[in-house]
N, C-alpha and C. Protein backbone atom coordinates (compact mmCIF):
# COMPACT_ATOMS: atom_id res chain seq x y z
N GLU A 1 0.85 -1.18 0.00
CA GLU A 1 0.00 0.00 0.00
C GLU A 1 0.89 1.24 0.00
N ALA A 2 0.60 2.15 -0.89
CA ALA A 2 1.36 3.40 -0.97
C ALA A 2 0.88 4.36 0.10
N ILE A 3 1.82 5.02 0.74
CA ILE A 3 1.48 6.01 1.76
C ILE A 3 1.78 7.38 1.19
N ASN A 4 0.73 8.17 1.05
CA ASN A 4 0.93 9.54 0.60
C ASN A 4 -0.05 10.44 1.33
N VAL A 5 0.16 11.73 1.22
CA VAL A 5 -0.65 12.69 1.97
C VAL A 5 -2.12 12.61 1.57
N GLU A 6 -2.40 12.43 0.30
CA GLU A 6 -3.80 12.37 -0.15
C GLU A 6 -4.54 11.21 0.53
N ASN A 7 -3.92 10.04 0.56
CA ASN A 7 -4.55 8.89 1.22
C ASN A 7 -4.67 9.11 2.72
N GLN A 8 -3.63 9.69 3.32
CA GLN A 8 -3.64 9.93 4.76
C GLN A 8 -4.72 10.94 5.15
N GLN A 9 -4.94 11.95 4.31
CA GLN A 9 -5.96 12.96 4.62
C GLN A 9 -7.37 12.38 4.60
N LYS A 10 -7.59 11.37 3.82
CA LYS A 10 -8.91 10.75 3.73
C LYS A 10 -9.20 9.83 4.92
N ASN A 11 -8.15 9.38 5.58
CA ASN A 11 -8.30 8.42 6.67
C ASN A 11 -8.08 9.10 8.02
N LEU A 12 -9.16 9.30 8.78
CA LEU A 12 -9.05 9.98 10.07
C LEU A 12 -8.26 9.19 11.11
N SER A 13 -7.97 7.93 10.83
CA SER A 13 -7.16 7.11 11.73
C SER A 13 -5.69 7.07 11.31
N SER A 14 -5.32 7.84 10.32
CA SER A 14 -3.96 7.81 9.80
C SER A 14 -2.97 8.50 10.73
N LEU A 15 -1.70 8.25 10.47
CA LEU A 15 -0.63 8.90 11.22
C LEU A 15 -0.68 10.42 11.05
N LEU A 16 -1.01 10.88 9.87
CA LEU A 16 -1.11 12.33 9.62
C LEU A 16 -2.14 12.97 10.54
N TRP A 17 -3.32 12.39 10.62
CA TRP A 17 -4.37 12.95 11.48
C TRP A 17 -4.01 12.82 12.94
N TRP A 18 -3.37 11.71 13.34
CA TRP A 18 -2.93 11.55 14.73
C TRP A 18 -1.95 12.66 15.08
N MET A 19 -0.99 12.90 14.18
CA MET A 19 0.01 13.94 14.42
C MET A 19 -0.64 15.32 14.53
N ARG A 20 -1.62 15.60 13.70
CA ARG A 20 -2.34 16.88 13.78
C ARG A 20 -3.03 17.04 15.12
N ARG A 21 -3.66 15.96 15.60
CA ARG A 21 -4.34 16.03 16.90
C ARG A 21 -3.34 16.24 18.03
N VAL A 22 -2.19 15.57 17.95
CA VAL A 22 -1.17 15.72 18.99
C VAL A 22 -0.64 17.15 19.01
N ILE A 23 -0.34 17.71 17.86
CA ILE A 23 0.17 19.08 17.79
C ILE A 23 -0.87 20.07 18.30
N ALA A 24 -2.12 19.88 17.90
CA ALA A 24 -3.19 20.78 18.38
C ALA A 24 -3.34 20.68 19.89
N MET A 25 -3.28 19.47 20.43
CA MET A 25 -3.42 19.29 21.87
C MET A 25 -2.24 19.92 22.60
N ARG A 26 -1.06 19.77 22.06
CA ARG A 26 0.14 20.34 22.67
C ARG A 26 0.03 21.86 22.78
N LYS A 27 -0.58 22.48 21.79
CA LYS A 27 -0.72 23.95 21.80
C LYS A 27 -1.68 24.43 22.88
N ASN A 28 -2.54 23.55 23.38
CA ASN A 28 -3.50 23.92 24.42
C ASN A 28 -2.87 24.04 25.81
N TYR A 29 -1.66 23.53 25.98
CA TYR A 29 -1.04 23.49 27.30
C TYR A 29 0.34 24.14 27.26
N LYS A 30 0.50 25.22 28.01
CA LYS A 30 1.77 25.95 28.04
C LYS A 30 2.91 25.08 28.56
N ALA A 31 2.63 24.20 29.49
CA ALA A 31 3.69 23.42 30.13
C ALA A 31 4.45 22.54 29.14
N PHE A 32 3.87 22.22 27.99
CA PHE A 32 4.59 21.40 27.02
C PHE A 32 5.75 22.16 26.38
N SER A 33 5.65 23.47 26.32
CA SER A 33 6.71 24.24 25.65
C SER A 33 7.51 25.13 26.60
N ARG A 34 7.02 25.35 27.80
CA ARG A 34 7.71 26.21 28.76
C ARG A 34 7.77 25.51 30.11
N GLY A 35 8.50 26.12 31.02
CA GLY A 35 8.52 25.60 32.38
C GLY A 35 9.57 24.53 32.59
N SER A 36 9.44 23.86 33.71
CA SER A 36 10.47 22.89 34.11
C SER A 36 10.15 21.49 33.59
N LEU A 37 11.19 20.70 33.53
CA LEU A 37 11.09 19.30 33.13
C LEU A 37 11.69 18.47 34.26
N GLU A 38 10.90 17.54 34.79
CA GLU A 38 11.37 16.71 35.90
C GLU A 38 11.11 15.24 35.56
N PHE A 39 12.17 14.47 35.43
CA PHE A 39 12.02 13.06 35.14
C PHE A 39 11.71 12.29 36.41
N LEU A 40 10.78 11.36 36.30
CA LEU A 40 10.49 10.43 37.38
C LEU A 40 11.25 9.15 37.04
N PHE A 41 11.62 8.40 38.03
CA PHE A 41 12.41 7.20 37.77
C PHE A 41 11.69 5.97 38.31
N PRO A 42 10.69 5.47 37.55
CA PRO A 42 9.97 4.28 38.01
C PRO A 42 10.90 3.06 37.99
N GLU A 43 10.53 2.06 38.78
CA GLU A 43 11.34 0.84 38.83
C GLU A 43 11.31 0.09 37.50
N ASN A 44 10.24 0.23 36.74
CA ASN A 44 10.13 -0.44 35.45
C ASN A 44 10.91 0.37 34.41
N PRO A 45 12.03 -0.16 33.90
CA PRO A 45 12.85 0.60 32.96
C PRO A 45 12.23 0.74 31.57
N LYS A 46 11.13 0.03 31.34
CA LYS A 46 10.48 0.10 30.04
C LYS A 46 9.44 1.22 29.97
N VAL A 47 9.33 1.97 31.06
CA VAL A 47 8.35 3.07 31.12
C VAL A 47 9.09 4.38 31.37
N LEU A 48 8.83 5.36 30.52
CA LEU A 48 9.37 6.70 30.67
C LEU A 48 8.29 7.57 31.30
N ALA A 49 8.64 8.31 32.33
CA ALA A 49 7.66 9.18 32.99
C ALA A 49 8.34 10.49 33.35
N PHE A 50 7.65 11.60 33.06
CA PHE A 50 8.19 12.90 33.42
C PHE A 50 7.08 13.90 33.64
N LEU A 51 7.42 14.99 34.32
CA LEU A 51 6.50 16.08 34.60
C LEU A 51 6.96 17.32 33.85
N ARG A 52 6.01 18.05 33.28
CA ARG A 52 6.28 19.38 32.73
C ARG A 52 5.46 20.33 33.58
N ARG A 53 6.10 21.40 34.08
CA ARG A 53 5.41 22.29 35.01
C ARG A 53 5.64 23.76 34.69
N THR A 54 4.55 24.51 34.82
CA THR A 54 4.63 25.97 34.86
C THR A 54 4.03 26.36 36.21
N GLU A 55 3.93 27.65 36.47
CA GLU A 55 3.37 28.10 37.75
C GLU A 55 1.95 27.61 37.96
N ASP A 56 1.17 27.56 36.88
CA ASP A 56 -0.25 27.22 37.04
C ASP A 56 -0.67 25.92 36.36
N GLU A 57 0.30 25.12 35.91
CA GLU A 57 -0.07 23.91 35.16
C GLU A 57 0.99 22.82 35.39
N THR A 58 0.51 21.61 35.64
CA THR A 58 1.41 20.46 35.78
C THR A 58 0.90 19.35 34.88
N ILE A 59 1.78 18.85 34.03
CA ILE A 59 1.42 17.77 33.11
C ILE A 59 2.32 16.57 33.40
N LEU A 60 1.69 15.42 33.52
CA LEU A 60 2.40 14.16 33.72
C LEU A 60 2.34 13.38 32.41
N VAL A 61 3.49 12.98 31.90
CA VAL A 61 3.56 12.18 30.68
C VAL A 61 4.13 10.81 31.07
N VAL A 62 3.42 9.76 30.66
CA VAL A 62 3.85 8.39 30.94
C VAL A 62 3.83 7.63 29.62
N VAL A 63 4.96 7.00 29.26
CA VAL A 63 5.09 6.34 27.96
C VAL A 63 5.62 4.92 28.15
N ASN A 64 4.94 3.96 27.54
CA ASN A 64 5.41 2.58 27.53
C ASN A 64 6.32 2.41 26.31
N LEU A 65 7.59 2.15 26.54
CA LEU A 65 8.56 1.99 25.45
C LEU A 65 8.63 0.55 24.94
N SER A 66 7.82 -0.32 25.51
CA SER A 66 7.86 -1.75 25.18
C SER A 66 6.74 -2.13 24.22
N ARG A 67 6.94 -3.23 23.53
CA ARG A 67 5.87 -3.75 22.65
C ARG A 67 4.89 -4.61 23.42
N PHE A 68 5.10 -4.73 24.73
CA PHE A 68 4.21 -5.49 25.60
C PHE A 68 3.59 -4.57 26.64
N ALA A 69 2.43 -4.95 27.16
CA ALA A 69 1.79 -4.16 28.22
C ALA A 69 2.74 -4.09 29.42
N GLN A 70 2.73 -2.95 30.11
CA GLN A 70 3.63 -2.74 31.24
C GLN A 70 2.91 -2.06 32.39
N PRO A 71 3.15 -2.53 33.62
CA PRO A 71 2.65 -1.81 34.80
C PRO A 71 3.71 -0.81 35.27
N VAL A 72 3.28 0.24 35.92
CA VAL A 72 4.23 1.20 36.49
C VAL A 72 3.65 1.79 37.76
N GLU A 73 4.50 1.97 38.75
CA GLU A 73 4.11 2.64 39.99
C GLU A 73 4.92 3.92 40.08
N LEU A 74 4.23 5.04 40.24
CA LEU A 74 4.89 6.34 40.27
C LEU A 74 4.76 6.97 41.65
N ASP A 75 5.84 7.57 42.11
CA ASP A 75 5.81 8.30 43.38
C ASP A 75 5.33 9.72 43.09
N LEU A 76 4.05 9.95 43.33
CA LEU A 76 3.44 11.26 43.09
C LEU A 76 2.91 11.85 44.39
N ALA A 77 3.49 11.46 45.52
CA ALA A 77 2.99 11.86 46.84
C ALA A 77 2.87 13.38 46.98
N LYS A 78 3.78 14.13 46.35
CA LYS A 78 3.71 15.59 46.49
C LYS A 78 2.49 16.18 45.77
N PHE A 79 1.81 15.36 44.97
CA PHE A 79 0.59 15.80 44.29
C PHE A 79 -0.65 15.15 44.91
N SER A 80 -0.51 14.66 46.12
CA SER A 80 -1.61 13.99 46.81
C SER A 80 -2.86 14.87 46.81
N GLY A 81 -3.98 14.27 46.43
CA GLY A 81 -5.24 15.00 46.34
C GLY A 81 -5.54 15.49 44.93
N CYS A 82 -4.52 15.62 44.09
CA CYS A 82 -4.75 16.06 42.71
C CYS A 82 -5.43 14.96 41.91
N ILE A 83 -6.14 15.37 40.89
CA ILE A 83 -6.87 14.43 40.05
C ILE A 83 -6.28 14.48 38.64
N PRO A 84 -5.71 13.35 38.16
CA PRO A 84 -5.17 13.33 36.80
C PRO A 84 -6.31 13.30 35.77
N MET A 85 -6.27 14.23 34.83
CA MET A 85 -7.24 14.25 33.74
C MET A 85 -6.48 13.99 32.45
N GLU A 86 -6.86 12.93 31.75
CA GLU A 86 -6.20 12.58 30.50
C GLU A 86 -6.58 13.63 29.45
N VAL A 87 -5.59 14.20 28.76
CA VAL A 87 -5.87 15.38 27.93
C VAL A 87 -6.67 15.08 26.67
N PHE A 88 -6.55 13.92 26.08
CA PHE A 88 -7.28 13.65 24.84
C PHE A 88 -8.75 13.32 25.10
N SER A 89 -9.00 12.42 26.04
CA SER A 89 -10.38 12.01 26.32
C SER A 89 -11.05 12.89 27.36
N ARG A 90 -10.26 13.64 28.13
CA ARG A 90 -10.73 14.47 29.24
C ARG A 90 -11.34 13.61 30.36
N ASN A 91 -10.99 12.33 30.38
CA ASN A 91 -11.44 11.44 31.45
C ASN A 91 -10.61 11.68 32.69
N ARG A 92 -11.28 11.65 33.83
CA ARG A 92 -10.58 11.81 35.10
C ARG A 92 -10.22 10.43 35.65
N PHE A 93 -9.01 10.31 36.11
CA PHE A 93 -8.53 9.08 36.71
C PHE A 93 -8.65 9.22 38.22
N PRO A 94 -8.47 8.12 38.98
CA PRO A 94 -8.58 8.21 40.44
C PRO A 94 -7.59 9.23 41.01
N ALA A 95 -8.00 9.87 42.09
CA ALA A 95 -7.17 10.89 42.74
C ALA A 95 -5.85 10.28 43.21
N ILE A 96 -4.83 11.10 43.19
CA ILE A 96 -3.51 10.69 43.65
C ILE A 96 -3.50 10.68 45.17
N ARG A 97 -2.90 9.65 45.73
CA ARG A 97 -2.77 9.54 47.19
C ARG A 97 -1.30 9.54 47.55
N ARG A 98 -1.01 9.42 48.83
CA ARG A 98 0.39 9.41 49.28
C ARG A 98 1.12 8.13 48.84
N SER A 99 0.36 7.05 48.65
CA SER A 99 0.98 5.80 48.18
C SER A 99 1.31 5.92 46.69
N ARG A 100 2.07 4.98 46.19
CA ARG A 100 2.47 5.02 44.78
C ARG A 100 1.23 4.92 43.87
N TYR A 101 1.29 5.62 42.75
CA TYR A 101 0.17 5.66 41.80
C TYR A 101 0.42 4.57 40.76
N LEU A 102 -0.51 3.63 40.63
CA LEU A 102 -0.36 2.50 39.72
C LEU A 102 -1.09 2.75 38.41
N LEU A 103 -0.39 2.52 37.31
CA LEU A 103 -0.98 2.59 35.97
C LEU A 103 -0.57 1.34 35.21
N THR A 104 -1.41 0.92 34.30
CA THR A 104 -1.07 -0.15 33.37
C THR A 104 -1.17 0.43 31.97
N LEU A 105 -0.12 0.26 31.21
CA LEU A 105 -0.08 0.82 29.85
C LEU A 105 -0.04 -0.31 28.84
N GLY A 106 -0.82 -0.17 27.78
CA GLY A 106 -0.79 -1.14 26.69
C GLY A 106 0.51 -1.01 25.91
N PRO A 107 0.74 -1.90 24.95
CA PRO A 107 1.97 -1.85 24.15
C PRO A 107 2.14 -0.48 23.47
N HIS A 108 3.29 0.13 23.66
CA HIS A 108 3.64 1.43 23.08
C HIS A 108 2.61 2.52 23.40
N ALA A 109 1.88 2.36 24.47
CA ALA A 109 0.85 3.33 24.85
C ALA A 109 1.47 4.51 25.60
N HIS A 110 0.70 5.58 25.67
CA HIS A 110 1.16 6.75 26.41
C HIS A 110 -0.04 7.46 27.03
N TYR A 111 0.20 8.20 28.07
CA TYR A 111 -0.81 9.05 28.70
C TYR A 111 -0.22 10.44 28.87
N TRP A 112 -1.05 11.43 28.62
CA TRP A 112 -0.74 12.81 28.98
C TRP A 112 -1.80 13.21 29.98
N PHE A 113 -1.40 13.52 31.19
CA PHE A 113 -2.34 13.91 32.24
C PHE A 113 -2.10 15.35 32.65
N VAL A 114 -3.17 16.10 32.83
CA VAL A 114 -3.09 17.38 33.53
C VAL A 114 -3.45 17.06 34.97
N LEU A 115 -2.59 17.45 35.91
CA LEU A 115 -2.87 17.20 37.32
C LEU A 115 -3.67 18.38 37.86
N GLN A 116 -4.94 18.14 38.15
CA GLN A 116 -5.84 19.19 38.62
C GLN A 116 -5.95 19.15 40.13
N SER A 117 -5.95 20.33 40.73
CA SER A 117 -6.19 20.40 42.17
C SER A 117 -7.63 19.98 42.42
N PRO A 118 -7.95 19.48 43.61
CA PRO A 118 -9.34 19.05 43.87
C PRO A 118 -10.35 20.16 43.62
N SER A 119 -10.02 21.40 43.95
CA SER A 119 -10.98 22.50 43.73
C SER A 119 -11.18 22.77 42.24
N ALA A 120 -10.11 22.68 41.44
CA ALA A 120 -10.23 22.88 39.99
C ALA A 120 -11.05 21.77 39.36
N ALA A 121 -10.87 20.54 39.83
CA ALA A 121 -11.63 19.41 39.30
C ALA A 121 -13.11 19.55 39.62
N THR A 122 -13.42 20.05 40.83
CA THR A 122 -14.82 20.27 41.21
C THR A 122 -15.45 21.33 40.33
N ARG A 123 -14.72 22.43 40.09
CA ARG A 123 -15.24 23.49 39.22
C ARG A 123 -15.48 22.97 37.81
N ALA A 124 -14.56 22.15 37.30
CA ALA A 124 -14.71 21.60 35.95
C ALA A 124 -15.93 20.70 35.86
N ARG A 125 -16.19 19.91 36.90
CA ARG A 125 -17.38 19.04 36.89
C ARG A 125 -18.65 19.86 36.90
N LYS A 126 -18.65 20.97 37.65
CA LYS A 126 -19.85 21.81 37.70
C LYS A 126 -20.12 22.47 36.36
N ARG A 127 -19.02 22.85 35.64
CA ARG A 127 -19.19 23.48 34.33
C ARG A 127 -19.73 22.50 33.30
N ALA A 128 -19.32 21.25 33.40
CA ALA A 128 -19.76 20.25 32.43
C ALA A 128 -21.20 19.86 32.75
N ARG A 129 -22.07 20.11 31.84
CA ARG A 129 -23.47 19.78 32.05
C ARG A 129 -23.77 18.39 31.52
N THR A 130 -24.67 17.74 32.17
CA THR A 130 -25.14 16.45 31.70
C THR A 130 -26.18 16.71 30.62
N PRO A 131 -25.99 16.14 29.42
CA PRO A 131 -26.97 16.37 28.37
C PRO A 131 -28.31 15.73 28.70
N THR A 132 -29.38 16.40 28.29
CA THR A 132 -30.72 15.85 28.51
C THR A 132 -31.26 15.30 27.21
N ILE A 133 -31.91 14.18 27.31
CA ILE A 133 -32.52 13.56 26.14
C ILE A 133 -34.02 13.57 26.37
N ALA A 134 -34.72 14.22 25.47
CA ALA A 134 -36.18 14.26 25.57
C ALA A 134 -36.73 13.02 24.88
N SER A 135 -37.53 12.27 25.59
CA SER A 135 -38.11 11.07 24.99
C SER A 135 -39.60 11.27 24.80
N MET A 136 -40.12 10.56 23.83
CA MET A 136 -41.54 10.64 23.55
C MET A 136 -42.27 9.58 24.36
N PRO A 137 -43.58 9.73 24.54
CA PRO A 137 -44.33 8.77 25.34
C PRO A 137 -44.24 7.33 24.84
N GLY A 138 -44.16 7.14 23.54
CA GLY A 138 -44.12 5.78 23.03
C GLY A 138 -43.66 5.76 21.59
N PHE A 139 -43.34 4.56 21.09
CA PHE A 139 -42.87 4.40 19.73
C PHE A 139 -43.92 4.84 18.71
N SER A 140 -45.18 4.59 19.04
CA SER A 140 -46.25 4.94 18.10
C SER A 140 -46.29 6.44 17.83
N GLU A 141 -45.84 7.24 18.80
CA GLU A 141 -45.81 8.69 18.63
C GLU A 141 -44.86 9.10 17.51
N LEU A 142 -43.84 8.29 17.22
CA LEU A 142 -42.89 8.62 16.16
C LEU A 142 -43.53 8.56 14.78
N LEU A 143 -44.62 7.81 14.67
CA LEU A 143 -45.23 7.60 13.37
C LEU A 143 -46.41 8.51 13.10
N THR A 144 -46.64 9.48 13.96
CA THR A 144 -47.77 10.38 13.77
C THR A 144 -47.33 11.84 13.89
N GLY A 145 -48.15 12.71 13.36
CA GLY A 145 -47.97 14.14 13.54
C GLY A 145 -46.62 14.68 13.07
N SER A 146 -46.14 15.67 13.82
CA SER A 146 -44.91 16.37 13.43
C SER A 146 -43.69 15.46 13.52
N ALA A 147 -43.71 14.48 14.41
CA ALA A 147 -42.59 13.56 14.53
C ALA A 147 -42.42 12.76 13.23
N ARG A 148 -43.54 12.39 12.63
CA ARG A 148 -43.48 11.66 11.37
C ARG A 148 -42.87 12.53 10.27
N ARG A 149 -43.30 13.80 10.23
CA ARG A 149 -42.74 14.72 9.23
C ARG A 149 -41.23 14.88 9.44
N ASP A 150 -40.79 14.94 10.69
CA ASP A 150 -39.36 15.08 10.98
C ASP A 150 -38.58 13.87 10.50
N LEU A 151 -39.18 12.68 10.65
CA LEU A 151 -38.51 11.46 10.21
C LEU A 151 -38.41 11.39 8.69
N GLU A 152 -39.43 11.89 8.02
CA GLU A 152 -39.45 11.81 6.56
C GLU A 152 -38.50 12.83 6.02
């Protein structure tokens, strides 16, 4: 199979589109381009972990360098109480405690986490609204009146 830009642009799962998403996501966080860099040294040598920090932002990057799934325990005690939010999915992971933080990474997988303070995480949850779905009384209602016109 030939790999060219035209084919890659048509495929949203291509390396080109993945790279575009990564670059766009990187631009959303100052800590990726500024601030300090602090390497963590997990016991598992197949996992790379580091922190990027600015005054108001902390990002944790964890990368599995192996072709096999890998567990890793990270000493994040100084961030106890913070909630890791994965930057691509915006999913929140369990809060960090004083004990080591355990993650399991798939083959060649990576995580980018923004470490949110508990108060920031609470504010973010309040801002995110739960969508409401209006349902009709019954299926038969879909086949009559204005609902039928909408379906057609």
